[in-house]
């Protein structure tokens, strides 16, 4: 599909070239002997100019379309509505989760590796258990809010904003865990 835009101008150029070749052949054969031939040549030259203009327009359109497609590909797309602080304020659980994520991020950042690999691994397991517990609580809350949106207890727009906020918090937990793993020299896939 994408190549159709770039093939159309090429096809037009081939048509123009064939028409120009036909004009040249006609001139060579007839020697441009009479007025009827001269008039026909003028008509053909006008057609060539018109086709050239159409080919240029098609090339410009294809370039613009390709540029628009490239811009659209670079622009982030999301079906999530713009964040509305008042919606999230109406659900204090989201604020509570945010505070708890911030605390766990700070705890993970404060972890330092010791010389004992077993102690490092134990520290990792203890912190991971806290991270997983909070992530599971957020998942449960998300499921409850999804059910509420399906039954009409809350607005769909509210649910989408809650889910988006929770997804971002979950990503932050993942990053904190990954950073802690790196700090402690732990590889846990």
Protein backbone atom coordinates (compact mmCIF):
# COMPACT_ATOMS: atom_id res chain seq x y z
CA UNK A 1 0.00 0.00 0.00
CA UNK A 2 2.76 2.39 0.95
CA UNK A 3 4.50 2.01 -2.40
CA UNK A 4 1.43 3.00 -4.34
CA UNK A 5 2.13 6.64 -3.52
CA UNK A 6 5.64 6.45 -4.89
CA UNK A 7 4.75 4.30 -7.94
CA UNK A 8 2.07 6.66 -9.28
CA UNK A 9 4.52 9.48 -10.11
CA UNK A 10 6.90 6.97 -11.67
CA UNK A 11 4.10 5.62 -13.86
CA UNK A 12 3.17 9.15 -14.90
CA UNK A 13 6.79 9.86 -15.82
CA UNK A 14 6.87 6.71 -17.96
CA UNK A 15 3.71 7.83 -19.76
CA UNK A 16 5.18 11.27 -20.34
CA UNK A 17 8.39 9.75 -21.65
CA UNK A 18 6.48 7.47 -24.03
CA UNK A 19 4.41 10.41 -25.28
CA UNK A 20 7.50 12.54 -25.80
CA UNK A 21 9.13 9.66 -27.69
CA UNK A 22 6.05 9.37 -29.89
CA UNK A 23 6.22 13.09 -30.65
CA UNK A 24 9.88 12.87 -31.55
CA UNK A 25 9.23 9.87 -33.81
CA UNK A 26 6.40 11.67 -35.51
CA UNK A 27 8.57 14.72 -36.12
CA UNK A 28 11.35 12.61 -37.51
CA UNK A 29 9.09 10.66 -39.88
CA UNK A 30 6.94 13.52 -41.12
CA UNK A 31 9.51 16.23 -41.10
CA UNK A 32 6.80 18.54 -39.83
CA UNK A 33 5.57 19.15 -43.39
CA UNK A 34 2.15 20.68 -42.99
CA UNK A 35 0.04 22.78 -40.66
CA UNK A 36 -2.08 19.81 -39.50
CA UNK A 37 1.05 18.06 -38.27
CA UNK A 38 2.25 21.23 -36.55
CA UNK A 39 -1.13 21.61 -34.85
CA UNK A 40 -1.06 17.94 -33.74
CA UNK A 41 2.45 18.39 -32.39
CA UNK A 42 1.36 21.46 -30.43
CA UNK A 43 -1.55 19.47 -28.97
CA UNK A 44 0.77 16.62 -28.00
CA UNK A 45 3.24 19.04 -26.40
CA UNK A 46 0.37 20.56 -24.39
CA UNK A 47 -0.65 17.07 -23.26
CA UNK A 48 2.94 16.34 -22.25
CA UNK A 49 3.05 19.57 -20.23
CA UNK A 50 -0.28 18.73 -18.59
CA UNK A 51 0.86 15.21 -17.71
CA UNK A 52 4.11 16.61 -16.34
CA UNK A 53 2.11 18.96 -14.11
CA UNK A 54 -0.06 16.08 -12.92
CA UNK A 55 3.03 13.99 -12.20
CA UNK A 56 4.56 16.84 -10.21
CA UNK A 57 1.32 17.28 -8.25
CA UNK A 58 1.16 13.52 -7.58
CA UNK A 59 4.78 13.53 -6.42
CA UNK A 60 4.08 16.46 -4.09
CA UNK A 61 0.98 14.71 -2.74
CA UNK A 62 2.90 11.48 -2.23
CA UNK A 63 5.68 13.33 -0.43
CA UNK A 64 3.18 15.18 1.74
CA UNK A 65 1.33 11.94 2.48
CA UNK A 66 4.60 10.19 3.35
CA UNK A 67 5.63 13.15 5.54
CA UNK A 68 2.22 13.10 7.25
CA UNK A 69 2.51 9.35 7.79
CA UNK A 70 6.01 9.75 9.23
CA UNK A 71 4.80 12.50 11.57
CA UNK A 72 1.87 10.35 12.66
CA UNK A 73 4.20 7.42 13.29
CA UNK A 74 6.37 9.60 15.53
CA UNK A 75 3.50 11.10 17.45
CA UNK A 76 2.53 9.03 20.46
CA UNK A 77 -0.91 7.60 20.21
CA UNK A 78 -3.09 6.83 23.15
CA UNK A 79 -6.73 6.23 23.72
CA UNK A 80 -6.36 7.36 27.30
CA UNK A 81 -7.92 10.74 28.02
CA UNK A 82 -5.82 13.61 29.26
CA UNK A 83 -5.03 13.38 32.97
CA UNK A 84 -7.59 15.07 35.17
CA UNK A 85 -6.34 15.66 38.70
CA UNK A 86 -9.88 16.05 40.02
CA UNK A 87 -10.74 12.53 38.90
CA UNK A 88 -7.73 11.03 40.65
CA UNK A 89 -8.43 13.13 43.75
CA UNK A 90 -11.86 11.51 43.91
CA UNK A 91 -10.11 8.15 44.38
CA UNK A 92 -7.82 8.49 47.43
CA UNK A 93 -6.54 4.94 46.93
CA UNK A 94 -4.52 6.17 43.93
CA UNK A 95 -2.84 8.83 46.09
CA UNK A 96 -2.13 6.20 48.74
CA UNK A 97 -0.57 3.92 46.13
CA UNK A 98 1.53 6.83 44.85
CA UNK A 99 2.87 7.53 48.34
CA UNK A 100 3.67 3.87 48.94
CA UNK A 101 5.44 3.56 45.57
CA UNK A 102 7.56 6.61 46.39
CA UNK A 103 8.53 5.05 49.74
CA UNK A 104 9.51 1.76 48.11
CA UNK A 105 11.46 3.58 45.41
CA UNK A 106 13.44 5.35 48.13
CA UNK A 107 14.02 2.06 49.97
CA UNK A 108 15.25 0.36 46.79
CA UNK A 109 17.53 3.28 46.01
CA UNK A 110 19.00 3.12 49.52
CA UNK A 111 20.00 -0.54 49.16
CA UNK A 112 23.74 -1.10 49.02
CA UNK A 113 25.61 -4.22 48.11
CA UNK A 114 27.74 -5.91 50.73
CA UNK A 115 30.50 -8.44 50.30
CA UNK A 116 28.21 -11.36 51.26
CA UNK A 117 26.28 -12.53 48.17
CA UNK A 118 23.80 -14.50 50.31
CA UNK A 119 22.99 -11.41 52.39
CA UNK A 120 22.57 -9.36 49.19
CA UNK A 121 20.17 -11.95 47.84
CA UNK A 122 18.20 -12.00 51.09
CA UNK A 123 17.90 -8.20 50.99
CA UNK A 124 16.69 -8.48 47.42
CA UNK A 125 14.06 -11.10 48.31
CA UNK A 126 12.73 -9.01 51.19
CA UNK A 127 12.43 -5.87 49.06
CA UNK A 128 10.97 -7.82 46.13
CA UNK A 129 8.27 -9.24 48.42
CA UNK A 130 7.24 -5.69 49.37
CA UNK A 131 7.27 -4.57 45.73
CA UNK A 132 5.21 -7.57 44.63
CA UNK A 133 2.71 -7.11 47.45
CA UNK A 134 2.06 -3.49 46.48
CA UNK A 135 1.86 -4.39 42.78
CA UNK A 136 -0.67 -7.12 43.58
CA UNK A 137 -2.76 -4.65 45.63
CA UNK A 138 -2.75 -2.20 42.73
CA UNK A 139 -3.78 -4.97 40.32
CA UNK A 140 -6.68 -5.95 42.59
CA UNK A 141 -7.80 -2.34 42.89
CA UNK A 142 -7.56 -1.96 39.11
CA UNK A 143 -9.71 -5.07 38.63
CA UNK A 144 -12.30 -3.71 41.09
CA UNK A 145 -12.45 -0.37 39.27
CA UNK A 146 -12.75 -2.11 35.91
CA UNK A 147 -15.72 -4.07 37.24
CA UNK A 148 -17.25 -0.85 38.59
CA UNK A 149 -16.88 0.76 35.14
CA UNK A 150 -18.47 -2.24 33.46
CA UNK A 151 -21.45 -2.14 35.78
CA UNK A 152 -21.79 1.62 35.49
CA UNK A 153 -20.83 2.38 39.10
CA UNK A 154 -18.10 4.73 37.88
CA UNK A 155 -17.57 6.57 34.64
CA UNK A 156 -15.48 4.83 31.99
CA UNK A 157 -13.31 7.97 31.71
CA UNK A 158 -12.58 7.76 35.46
CA UNK A 159 -11.61 4.11 35.15
CA UNK A 160 -9.24 4.78 32.25
CA UNK A 161 -7.50 7.51 34.22
CA UNK A 162 -7.20 5.26 37.28
CA UNK A 163 -5.83 2.42 35.16
CA UNK A 164 -3.32 4.71 33.45
CA UNK A 165 -2.10 6.06 36.81
CA UNK A 166 -1.76 2.54 38.21
CA UNK A 167 0.10 1.34 35.13
CA UNK A 168 2.60 4.17 35.55
CA UNK A 169 3.04 3.32 39.23
CA UNK A 170 3.58 -0.33 38.34
CA UNK A 171 6.24 0.69 35.82
CA UNK A 172 7.97 2.71 38.53
CA UNK A 173 7.99 -0.35 40.79
CA UNK A 174 9.52 -2.42 38.01
CA UNK A 175 12.21 0.18 37.48
CA UNK A 176 12.97 0.35 41.21
CA UNK A 177 13.30 -3.44 41.30
CA UNK A 178 15.56 -3.49 38.26
CA UNK A 179 17.77 -0.78 39.76
CA UNK A 180 17.99 -2.67 43.02
CA UNK A 181 18.93 -5.88 41.18
CA UNK A 182 21.72 -4.02 39.42
CA UNK A 183 22.98 -2.48 42.65
CA UNK A 184 23.02 -5.85 44.43
CA UNK A 185 24.42 -7.77 41.46
CA UNK A 186 21.35 -10.00 41.31
CA UNK A 187 19.99 -11.45 38.09
CA UNK A 188 16.39 -12.49 38.47
CA UNK A 189 14.55 -12.96 35.22
